[in-house]
């Protein structure tokens, strides 16, 4: 007992105990940690990047450069993130058919698995917005009224107040949002494609993006009816004013002519 007590009072006793505790902790972690799953995920990600690089070399490198650095025919992809790739390729805008003021939406030529591989490779070139999950883009339970307010303040200037789209300068345009998937709407807000400004989570939080998606789906839904009657295409005050001038003022002019003609007849008789 005296020998044990003396060892406990030894200056290095605390260090020895600490080393033993660290060794035991490390051994337990190594034994119970899900290393197999982590290694499998890392291997799958590496394979996705390798396959994505092959697809990129064939379909993208001629415009964006062999390392995504960009050329005179296409911008740099370093730092655009996987969300930009998923949006551009997932809507058929990329690969582009020909240069122009704006790349239009086209039929998609890649499978979703190939798009994911391309996105993984481009994401490996530099950190950027990440492809959202299904939970992030699900508008269930979102505030449609709040979404309408946000849309009118931030989006209606280009997309019209019901998302029907509209013309911009220099041959560009804001596309119609009817039928666009929630994921692609979310990614467009994240990345700001073409002339659109970006709305990262620091500027527009995830919940506000959900509210906007819910509003767009509501006003463009097949079951939604215009509470004001004839929607006139949902194009806003320009079409409504034109309708009022042509038909409203036209009806007044016709009425005035009819009254004048009948007044003249009455005087003759």
C-alpha atoms as a PDB file:
ATOM      1  CA  UNK A   1       0.000   0.000   0.000  1.00  0.00           C
ATOM      2  CA  UNK A   2       2.845   2.332   0.868  1.00  0.00           C
ATOM      3  CA  UNK A   3       4.486   1.639  -2.516  1.00  0.00           C
ATOM      4  CA  UNK A   4       1.188   2.314  -4.356  1.00  0.00           C
ATOM      5  CA  UNK A   5       0.655   5.517  -2.431  1.00  0.00           C
ATOM      6  CA  UNK A   6       4.168   6.619  -3.269  1.00  0.00           C
ATOM      7  CA  UNK A   7       3.579   5.994  -6.972  1.00  0.00           C
ATOM      8  CA  UNK A   8       0.414   8.028  -6.853  1.00  0.00           C
ATOM      9  CA  UNK A   9       2.391  10.966  -5.512  1.00  0.00           C
ATOM     10  CA  UNK A  10       4.954  10.651  -8.313  1.00  0.00           C
ATOM     11  CA  UNK A  11       5.098  13.808 -10.520  1.00  0.00           C
ATOM     12  CA  UNK A  12       4.441  11.791 -13.714  1.00  0.00           C
ATOM     13  CA  UNK A  13       1.448   9.872 -12.327  1.00  0.00           C
ATOM     14  CA  UNK A  14      -1.117  12.347 -13.742  1.00  0.00           C
ATOM     15  CA  UNK A  15       0.521  12.248 -17.172  1.00  0.00           C
ATOM     16  CA  UNK A  16       0.484   8.440 -17.230  1.00  0.00           C
ATOM     17  CA  UNK A  17      -3.198   8.345 -16.257  1.00  0.00           C
ATOM     18  CA  UNK A  18      -4.070  10.916 -18.949  1.00  0.00           C
ATOM     19  CA  UNK A  19      -2.230   8.922 -21.624  1.00  0.00           C
ATOM     20  CA  UNK A  20      -3.989   5.717 -20.588  1.00  0.00           C
ATOM     21  CA  UNK A  21      -7.374   7.462 -20.701  1.00  0.00           C
ATOM     22  CA  UNK A  22      -6.689   8.868 -24.193  1.00  0.00           C
ATOM     23  CA  UNK A  23      -5.551   5.471 -25.443  1.00  0.00           C
ATOM     24  CA  UNK A  24      -8.689   3.818 -24.079  1.00  0.00           C
ATOM     25  CA  UNK A  25     -10.917   6.496 -25.643  1.00  0.00           C
ATOM     26  CA  UNK A  26      -9.206   6.165 -28.996  1.00  0.00           C
ATOM     27  CA  UNK A  27      -9.506   2.380 -28.920  1.00  0.00           C
ATOM     28  CA  UNK A  28     -13.218   2.504 -28.096  1.00  0.00           C
ATOM     29  CA  UNK A  29     -13.872   5.068 -30.849  1.00  0.00           C
ATOM     30  CA  UNK A  30     -11.990   2.987 -33.401  1.00  0.00           C
ATOM     31  CA  UNK A  31     -13.964  -0.078 -32.378  1.00  0.00           C
ATOM     32  CA  UNK A  32     -17.447   1.466 -32.488  1.00  0.00           C
ATOM     33  CA  UNK A  33     -17.184   4.331 -34.995  1.00  0.00           C
ATOM     34  CA  UNK A  34     -18.988   3.733 -38.361  1.00  0.00           C
ATOM     35  CA  UNK A  35     -15.742   3.854 -40.289  1.00  0.00           C
ATOM     36  CA  UNK A  36     -17.031   1.498 -42.954  1.00  0.00           C
ATOM     37  CA  UNK A  37     -19.935   3.799 -43.860  1.00  0.00           C
ATOM     38  CA  UNK A  38     -17.758   6.915 -43.879  1.00  0.00           C
ATOM     39  CA  UNK A  39     -15.215   5.198 -46.094  1.00  0.00           C
ATOM     40  CA  UNK A  40     -17.965   3.959 -48.407  1.00  0.00           C
ATOM     41  CA  UNK A  41     -19.422   7.471 -48.718  1.00  0.00           C
ATOM     42  CA  UNK A  42     -15.990   8.894 -49.479  1.00  0.00           C
ATOM     43  CA  UNK A  43     -15.384   6.234 -52.129  1.00  0.00           C
ATOM     44  CA  UNK A  44     -18.790   6.874 -53.742  1.00  0.00           C
ATOM     45  CA  UNK A  45     -18.112  10.625 -53.828  1.00  0.00           C
ATOM     46  CA  UNK A  46     -14.710  10.046 -55.403  1.00  0.00           C
ATOM     47  CA  UNK A  47     -16.241   7.810 -58.076  1.00  0.00           C
ATOM     48  CA  UNK A  48     -18.944  10.409 -58.785  1.00  0.00           C
ATOM     49  CA  UNK A  49     -16.296  13.091 -59.262  1.00  0.00           C
ATOM     50  CA  UNK A  50     -14.290  10.839 -61.612  1.00  0.00           C
ATOM     51  CA  UNK A  51     -17.357  10.036 -63.719  1.00  0.00           C
ATOM     52  CA  UNK A  52     -18.426  13.672 -63.678  1.00  0.00           C
ATOM     53  CA  UNK A  53     -15.022  14.725 -64.972  1.00  0.00           C
ATOM     54  CA  UNK A  54     -15.410  12.348 -67.922  1.00  0.00           C
ATOM     55  CA  UNK A  55     -18.837  13.795 -68.752  1.00  0.00           C
ATOM     56  CA  UNK A  56     -17.492  17.321 -68.332  1.00  0.00           C
ATOM     57  CA  UNK A  57     -14.571  16.681 -70.683  1.00  0.00           C
ATOM     58  CA  UNK A  58     -16.928  15.527 -73.434  1.00  0.00           C
ATOM     59  CA  UNK A  59     -19.803  17.978 -73.035  1.00  0.00           C
ATOM     60  CA  UNK A  60     -18.535  21.096 -71.255  1.00  0.00           C
ATOM     61  CA  UNK A  61     -14.777  21.583 -71.521  1.00  0.00           C
ATOM     62  CA  UNK A  62     -14.884  23.071 -75.033  1.00  0.00           C
ATOM     63  CA  UNK A  63     -16.618  26.183 -73.664  1.00  0.00           C
ATOM     64  CA  UNK A  64     -15.730  26.270 -69.962  1.00  0.00           C
ATOM     65  CA  UNK A  65     -12.128  25.069 -70.194  1.00  0.00           C
ATOM     66  CA  UNK A  66     -10.532  21.763 -69.272  1.00  0.00           C
ATOM     67  CA  UNK A  67     -10.358  22.737 -65.586  1.00  0.00           C
ATOM     68  CA  UNK A  68     -13.501  24.856 -65.414  1.00  0.00           C
ATOM     69  CA  UNK A  69     -11.448  28.047 -65.590  1.00  0.00           C
ATOM     70  CA  UNK A  70     -13.624  29.484 -68.358  1.00  0.00           C
ATOM     71  CA  UNK A  71     -12.900  30.655 -71.899  1.00  0.00           C
ATOM     72  CA  UNK A  72     -14.115  33.341 -74.265  1.00  0.00           C
ATOM     73  CA  UNK A  73     -17.071  31.056 -75.032  1.00  0.00           C
ATOM     74  CA  UNK A  74     -18.119  30.279 -71.443  1.00  0.00           C
ATOM     75  CA  UNK A  75     -17.678  31.599 -67.894  1.00  0.00           C
ATOM     76  CA  UNK A  76     -15.565  30.039 -65.167  1.00  0.00           C
ATOM     77  CA  UNK A  77     -17.282  27.302 -63.155  1.00  0.00           C
ATOM     78  CA  UNK A  78     -14.951  27.515 -60.171  1.00  0.00           C
ATOM     79  CA  UNK A  79     -17.103  28.248 -57.132  1.00  0.00           C
ATOM     80  CA  UNK A  80     -20.524  28.028 -58.832  1.00  0.00           C
ATOM     81  CA  UNK A  81     -21.384  24.939 -56.771  1.00  0.00           C
ATOM     82  CA  UNK A  82     -23.487  21.877 -57.467  1.00  0.00           C
ATOM     83  CA  UNK A  83     -26.781  23.813 -57.343  1.00  0.00           C
ATOM     84  CA  UNK A  84     -25.883  25.829 -60.442  1.00  0.00           C
ATOM     85  CA  UNK A  85     -25.025  22.668 -62.379  1.00  0.00           C
ATOM     86  CA  UNK A  86     -28.220  20.921 -61.302  1.00  0.00           C
ATOM     87  CA  UNK A  87     -30.282  23.931 -62.420  1.00  0.00           C
ATOM     88  CA  UNK A  88     -28.554  24.642 -65.724  1.00  0.00           C
ATOM     89  CA  UNK A  89     -28.197  21.025 -66.868  1.00  0.00           C
ATOM     90  CA  UNK A  90     -31.430  19.848 -65.216  1.00  0.00           C
ATOM     91  CA  UNK A  91     -33.483  22.383 -67.178  1.00  0.00           C
ATOM     92  CA  UNK A  92     -31.710  21.659 -70.463  1.00  0.00           C
ATOM     93  CA  UNK A  93     -30.130  25.106 -70.680  1.00  0.00           C
ATOM     94  CA  UNK A  94     -26.727  23.455 -70.694  1.00  0.00           C
ATOM     95  CA  UNK A  95     -25.050  22.325 -72.833  1.00  0.00           C
ATOM     96  CA  UNK A  96     -25.971  25.386 -74.889  1.00  0.00           C
ATOM     97  CA  UNK A  97     -26.904  24.902 -78.533  1.00  0.00           C
ATOM     98  CA  UNK A  98     -25.524  28.230 -79.695  1.00  0.00           C
ATOM     99  CA  UNK A  99     -24.365  31.551 -78.251  1.00  0.00           C
ATOM    100  CA  UNK A 100     -26.963  34.248 -77.765  1.00  0.00           C
ATOM    101  CA  UNK A 101     -28.353  36.882 -75.451  1.00  0.00           C
ATOM    102  CA  UNK A 102     -29.892  34.176 -73.272  1.00  0.00           C
ATOM    103  CA  UNK A 103     -29.778  30.395 -73.224  1.00  0.00           C
ATOM    104  CA  UNK A 104     -33.342  29.012 -73.420  1.00  0.00           C
ATOM    105  CA  UNK A 105     -34.788  26.028 -71.606  1.00  0.00           C
ATOM    106  CA  UNK A 106     -34.579  22.846 -73.701  1.00  0.00           C
ATOM    107  CA  UNK A 107     -35.191  19.100 -73.348  1.00  0.00           C
ATOM    108  CA  UNK A 108     -32.736  17.551 -70.878  1.00  0.00           C
ATOM    109  CA  UNK A 109     -30.110  15.289 -72.477  1.00  0.00           C
ATOM    110  CA  UNK A 110     -28.529  13.892 -69.293  1.00  0.00           C
ATOM    111  CA  UNK A 111     -30.041  11.530 -66.740  1.00  0.00           C
ATOM    112  CA  UNK A 112     -30.344  12.717 -63.153  1.00  0.00           C
ATOM    113  CA  UNK A 113     -27.521  10.369 -62.161  1.00  0.00           C
ATOM    114  CA  UNK A 114     -25.248  11.961 -64.774  1.00  0.00           C
ATOM    115  CA  UNK A 115     -26.295  15.436 -63.658  1.00  0.00           C
ATOM    116  CA  UNK A 116     -25.366  14.516 -60.080  1.00  0.00           C
ATOM    117  CA  UNK A 117     -21.956  13.326 -61.272  1.00  0.00           C
ATOM    118  CA  UNK A 118     -21.353  16.525 -63.230  1.00  0.00           C
ATOM    119  CA  UNK A 119     -22.427  18.550 -60.194  1.00  0.00           C
ATOM    120  CA  UNK A 120     -20.044  16.585 -57.959  1.00  0.00           C
ATOM    121  CA  UNK A 121     -17.117  17.308 -60.280  1.00  0.00           C
ATOM    122  CA  UNK A 122     -17.859  21.029 -60.624  1.00  0.00           C
ATOM    123  CA  UNK A 123     -18.382  21.294 -56.859  1.00  0.00           C
ATOM    124  CA  UNK A 124     -14.907  19.806 -56.372  1.00  0.00           C
ATOM    125  CA  UNK A 125     -13.412  22.774 -58.276  1.00  0.00           C
ATOM    126  CA  UNK A 126     -14.449  25.239 -55.576  1.00  0.00           C
ATOM    127  CA  UNK A 127     -17.016  25.721 -52.821  1.00  0.00           C
ATOM    128  CA  UNK A 128     -20.417  27.075 -53.893  1.00  0.00           C
ATOM    129  CA  UNK A 129     -24.183  26.700 -53.356  1.00  0.00           C
ATOM    130  CA  UNK A 130     -25.129  23.072 -52.699  1.00  0.00           C
ATOM    131  CA  UNK A 131     -28.009  21.251 -54.400  1.00  0.00           C
ATOM    132  CA  UNK A 132     -30.969  21.479 -51.994  1.00  0.00           C
ATOM    133  CA  UNK A 133     -32.620  18.450 -50.445  1.00  0.00           C
ATOM    134  CA  UNK A 134     -36.268  17.485 -50.938  1.00  0.00           C
ATOM    135  CA  UNK A 135     -37.013  18.774 -47.441  1.00  0.00           C
ATOM    136  CA  UNK A 136     -35.520  22.173 -48.221  1.00  0.00           C
ATOM    137  CA  UNK A 137     -37.708  22.729 -51.287  1.00  0.00           C
ATOM    138  CA  UNK A 138     -40.944  21.216 -49.948  1.00  0.00           C
ATOM    139  CA  UNK A 139     -43.479  24.086 -49.663  1.00  0.00           C
ATOM    140  CA  UNK A 140     -45.842  22.131 -47.409  1.00  0.00           C
ATOM    141  CA  UNK A 141     -47.005  24.382 -44.580  1.00  0.00           C
ATOM    142  CA  UNK A 142     -45.444  27.490 -46.127  1.00  0.00           C
ATOM    143  CA  UNK A 143     -47.064  30.933 -45.850  1.00  0.00           C
ATOM    144  CA  UNK A 144     -48.526  31.673 -49.293  1.00  0.00           C
ATOM    145  CA  UNK A 145     -49.472  35.260 -48.383  1.00  0.00           C
ATOM    146  CA  UNK A 146     -45.941  35.983 -47.164  1.00  0.00           C
ATOM    147  CA  UNK A 147     -44.592  34.336 -50.308  1.00  0.00           C
ATOM    148  CA  UNK A 148     -46.752  36.609 -52.446  1.00  0.00           C
ATOM    149  CA  UNK A 149     -45.414  39.668 -50.649  1.00  0.00           C
ATOM    150  CA  UNK A 150     -41.820  38.511 -51.080  1.00  0.00           C
ATOM    151  CA  UNK A 151     -42.410  37.669 -54.756  1.00  0.00           C
ATOM    152  CA  UNK A 152     -43.955  41.050 -55.536  1.00  0.00           C
ATOM    153  CA  UNK A 153     -41.105  42.879 -53.799  1.00  0.00           C
ATOM    154  CA  UNK A 154     -38.226  40.859 -55.274  1.00  0.00           C
ATOM    155  CA  UNK A 155     -39.366  39.035 -58.416  1.00  0.00           C
ATOM    156  CA  UNK A 156     -42.432  40.645 -60.002  1.00  0.00           C
ATOM    157  CA  UNK A 157     -40.417  43.394 -61.688  1.00  0.00           C
ATOM    158  CA  UNK A 158     -39.123  40.795 -64.157  1.00  0.00           C
ATOM    159  CA  UNK A 159     -41.316  37.701 -63.832  1.00  0.00           C
ATOM    160  CA  UNK A 160     -44.649  39.555 -63.575  1.00  0.00           C
ATOM    161  CA  UNK A 161     -46.759  39.358 -60.422  1.00  0.00           C
ATOM    162  CA  UNK A 162     -48.051  35.856 -61.283  1.00  0.00           C
ATOM    163  CA  UNK A 163     -44.765  34.500 -62.670  1.00  0.00           C
ATOM    164  CA  UNK A 164     -45.759  34.693 -66.347  1.00  0.00           C
ATOM    165  CA  UNK A 165     -42.402  36.165 -67.322  1.00  0.00           C
ATOM    166  CA  UNK A 166     -41.575  39.214 -69.367  1.00  0.00           C
ATOM    167  CA  UNK A 167     -39.111  40.917 -71.679  1.00  0.00           C
ATOM    168  CA  UNK A 168     -35.843  42.438 -70.437  1.00  0.00           C
ATOM    169  CA  UNK A 169     -33.183  44.540 -72.143  1.00  0.00           C
ATOM    170  CA  UNK A 170     -30.732  43.468 -74.863  1.00  0.00           C
ATOM    171  CA  UNK A 171     -32.804  40.498 -76.035  1.00  0.00           C
ATOM    172  CA  UNK A 172     -33.019  38.866 -72.597  1.00  0.00           C
ATOM    173  CA  UNK A 173     -36.196  37.803 -70.831  1.00  0.00           C
ATOM    174  CA  UNK A 174     -37.528  36.508 -67.538  1.00  0.00           C
ATOM    175  CA  UNK A 175     -38.972  33.016 -68.186  1.00  0.00           C
ATOM    176  CA  UNK A 176     -42.459  31.829 -67.344  1.00  0.00           C
ATOM    177  CA  UNK A 177     -42.426  30.014 -63.980  1.00  0.00           C
ATOM    178  CA  UNK A 178     -45.467  27.825 -64.610  1.00  0.00           C
ATOM    179  CA  UNK A 179     -44.564  24.147 -64.356  1.00  0.00           C
ATOM    180  CA  UNK A 180     -41.046  24.788 -63.006  1.00  0.00           C
ATOM    181  CA  UNK A 181     -40.157  22.302 -60.253  1.00  0.00           C
ATOM    182  CA  UNK A 182     -39.694  23.594 -56.679  1.00  0.00           C
ATOM    183  CA  UNK A 183     -36.076  22.405 -56.713  1.00  0.00           C
ATOM    184  CA  UNK A 184     -35.205  24.441 -59.789  1.00  0.00           C
ATOM    185  CA  UNK A 185     -36.984  27.542 -58.416  1.00  0.00           C
ATOM    186  CA  UNK A 186     -34.990  27.178 -55.192  1.00  0.00           C
ATOM    187  CA  UNK A 187     -31.719  26.702 -57.102  1.00  0.00           C
ATOM    188  CA  UNK A 188     -32.422  29.749 -59.280  1.00  0.00           C
ATOM    189  CA  UNK A 189     -32.860  31.855 -56.151  1.00  0.00           C
ATOM    190  CA  UNK A 190     -29.628  30.394 -54.732  1.00  0.00           C
ATOM    191  CA  UNK A 191     -27.453  30.882 -57.796  1.00  0.00           C
ATOM    192  CA  UNK A 192     -28.959  33.750 -59.803  1.00  0.00           C
ATOM    193  CA  UNK A 193     -28.782  32.369 -63.354  1.00  0.00           C
ATOM    194  CA  UNK A 194     -28.474  34.638 -66.401  1.00  0.00           C
ATOM    195  CA  UNK A 195     -29.709  38.169 -65.505  1.00  0.00           C
ATOM    196  CA  UNK A 196     -31.336  37.109 -62.229  1.00  0.00           C
ATOM    197  CA  UNK A 197     -29.767  38.288 -58.950  1.00  0.00           C
ATOM    198  CA  UNK A 198     -28.878  35.616 -56.402  1.00  0.00           C
ATOM    199  CA  UNK A 199     -30.643  35.307 -53.045  1.00  0.00           C
ATOM    200  CA  UNK A 200     -28.399  33.262 -50.720  1.00  0.00           C
ATOM    201  CA  UNK A 201     -29.684  32.151 -47.336  1.00  0.00           C
ATOM    202  CA  UNK A 202     -27.969  35.149 -45.746  1.00  0.00           C
ATOM    203  CA  UNK A 203     -30.203  37.422 -47.821  1.00  0.00           C
ATOM    204  CA  UNK A 204     -33.332  35.276 -48.133  1.00  0.00           C
ATOM    205  CA  UNK A 205     -33.597  32.455 -45.567  1.00  0.00           C
ATOM    206  CA  UNK A 206     -34.732  28.968 -46.491  1.00  0.00           C
ATOM    207  CA  UNK A 207     -38.258  29.492 -45.114  1.00  0.00           C
ATOM    208  CA  UNK A 208     -38.802  32.586 -47.268  1.00  0.00           C
ATOM    209  CA  UNK A 209     -37.742  30.627 -50.344  1.00  0.00           C
ATOM    210  CA  UNK A 210     -40.347  27.996 -49.435  1.00  0.00           C
ATOM    211  CA  UNK A 211     -42.986  30.724 -49.073  1.00  0.00           C
ATOM    212  CA  UNK A 212     -42.194  32.022 -52.577  1.00  0.00           C
ATOM    213  CA  UNK A 213     -42.360  28.507 -54.045  1.00  0.00           C
ATOM    214  CA  UNK A 214     -45.753  27.983 -52.388  1.00  0.00           C
ATOM    215  CA  UNK A 215     -47.024  31.273 -53.863  1.00  0.00           C
ATOM    216  CA  UNK A 216     -45.836  30.425 -57.383  1.00  0.00           C
ATOM    217  CA  UNK A 217     -47.483  27.014 -57.208  1.00  0.00           C
ATOM    218  CA  UNK A 218     -50.723  28.569 -55.950  1.00  0.00           C
ATOM    219  CA  UNK A 219     -51.079  31.240 -58.628  1.00  0.00           C
ATOM    220  CA  UNK A 220     -50.060  28.846 -61.397  1.00  0.00           C
ATOM    221  CA  UNK A 221     -51.986  25.815 -60.171  1.00  0.00           C
ATOM    222  CA  UNK A 222     -54.602  24.274 -62.444  1.00  0.00           C
ATOM    223  CA  UNK A 223     -57.206  24.424 -59.691  1.00  0.00           C
ATOM    224  CA  UNK A 224     -56.691  28.090 -58.817  1.00  0.00           C
ATOM    225  CA  UNK A 225     -59.253  30.508 -60.241  1.00  0.00           C
ATOM    226  CA  UNK A 226     -58.821  34.248 -60.732  1.00  0.00           C
ATOM    227  CA  UNK A 227     -60.886  35.968 -58.013  1.00  0.00           C
ATOM    228  CA  UNK A 228     -61.290  38.990 -60.288  1.00  0.00           C
ATOM    229  CA  UNK A 229     -62.802  37.056 -63.162  1.00  0.00           C
ATOM    230  CA  UNK A 230     -61.021  37.024 -66.528  1.00  0.00           C
ATOM    231  CA  UNK A 231     -57.282  36.885 -65.781  1.00  0.00           C
ATOM    232  CA  UNK A 232     -56.204  38.312 -69.172  1.00  0.00           C
ATOM    233  CA  UNK A 233     -53.194  36.047 -69.071  1.00  0.00           C
ATOM    234  CA  UNK A 234     -52.106  37.306 -65.664  1.00  0.00           C
ATOM    235  CA  UNK A 235     -49.881  39.880 -67.360  1.00  0.00           C
ATOM    236  CA  UNK A 236     -50.732  42.708 -64.982  1.00  0.00           C
ATOM    237  CA  UNK A 237     -51.882  46.323 -65.366  1.00  0.00           C
ATOM    238  CA  UNK A 238     -50.654  46.760 -68.955  1.00  0.00           C
ATOM    239  CA  UNK A 239     -53.003  44.161 -70.407  1.00  0.00           C
ATOM    240  CA  UNK A 240     -55.776  45.218 -68.029  1.00  0.00           C
ATOM    241  CA  UNK A 241     -55.407  48.868 -69.073  1.00  0.00           C
ATOM    242  CA  UNK A 242     -55.337  47.917 -72.748  1.00  0.00           C
ATOM    243  CA  UNK A 243     -58.493  45.853 -72.283  1.00  0.00           C
ATOM    244  CA  UNK A 244     -60.203  48.781 -70.561  1.00  0.00           C
ATOM    245  CA  UNK A 245     -59.234  51.229 -73.299  1.00  0.00           C
ATOM    246  CA  UNK A 246     -60.197  49.023 -76.231  1.00  0.00           C
ATOM    247  CA  UNK A 247     -63.402  47.477 -74.909  1.00  0.00           C
ATOM    248  CA  UNK A 248     -64.441  49.918 -72.172  1.00  0.00           C
ATOM    249  CA  UNK A 249     -63.775  53.106 -74.088  1.00  0.00           C
ATOM    250  CA  UNK A 250     -64.941  51.427 -77.304  1.00  0.00           C
ATOM    251  CA  UNK A 251     -68.265  50.584 -75.675  1.00  0.00           C
ATOM    252  CA  UNK A 252     -68.673  54.194 -74.520  1.00  0.00           C
ATOM    253  CA  UNK A 253     -67.923  55.515 -78.015  1.00  0.00           C
ATOM    254  CA  UNK A 254     -70.403  53.071 -79.562  1.00  0.00           C
ATOM    255  CA  UNK A 255     -73.039  54.107 -77.039  1.00  0.00           C
ATOM    256  CA  UNK A 256     -72.444  57.792 -77.774  1.00  0.00           C
ATOM    257  CA  UNK A 257     -72.775  57.201 -81.526  1.00  0.00           C
ATOM    258  CA  UNK A 258     -75.969  55.214 -81.011  1.00  0.00           C
ATOM    259  CA  UNK A 259     -77.485  57.947 -78.813  1.00  0.00           C
ATOM    260  CA  UNK A 260     -76.516  60.673 -81.307  1.00  0.00           C
ATOM    261  CA  UNK A 261     -77.988  58.734 -84.240  1.00  0.00           C
ATOM    262  CA  UNK A 262     -81.287  58.091 -82.450  1.00  0.00           C
ATOM    263  CA  UNK A 263     -81.465  61.699 -81.261  1.00  0.00           C
ATOM    264  CA  UNK A 264     -81.064  62.910 -84.836  1.00  0.00           C
ATOM    265  CA  UNK A 265     -83.842  60.576 -86.029  1.00  0.00           C
ATOM    266  CA  UNK A 266     -86.141  61.779 -83.257  1.00  0.00           C
ATOM    267  CA  UNK A 267     -85.618  65.417 -84.257  1.00  0.00           C
ATOM    268  CA  UNK A 268     -86.421  64.702 -87.916  1.00  0.00           C
ATOM    269  CA  UNK A 269     -89.584  62.905 -87.021  1.00  0.00           C
END
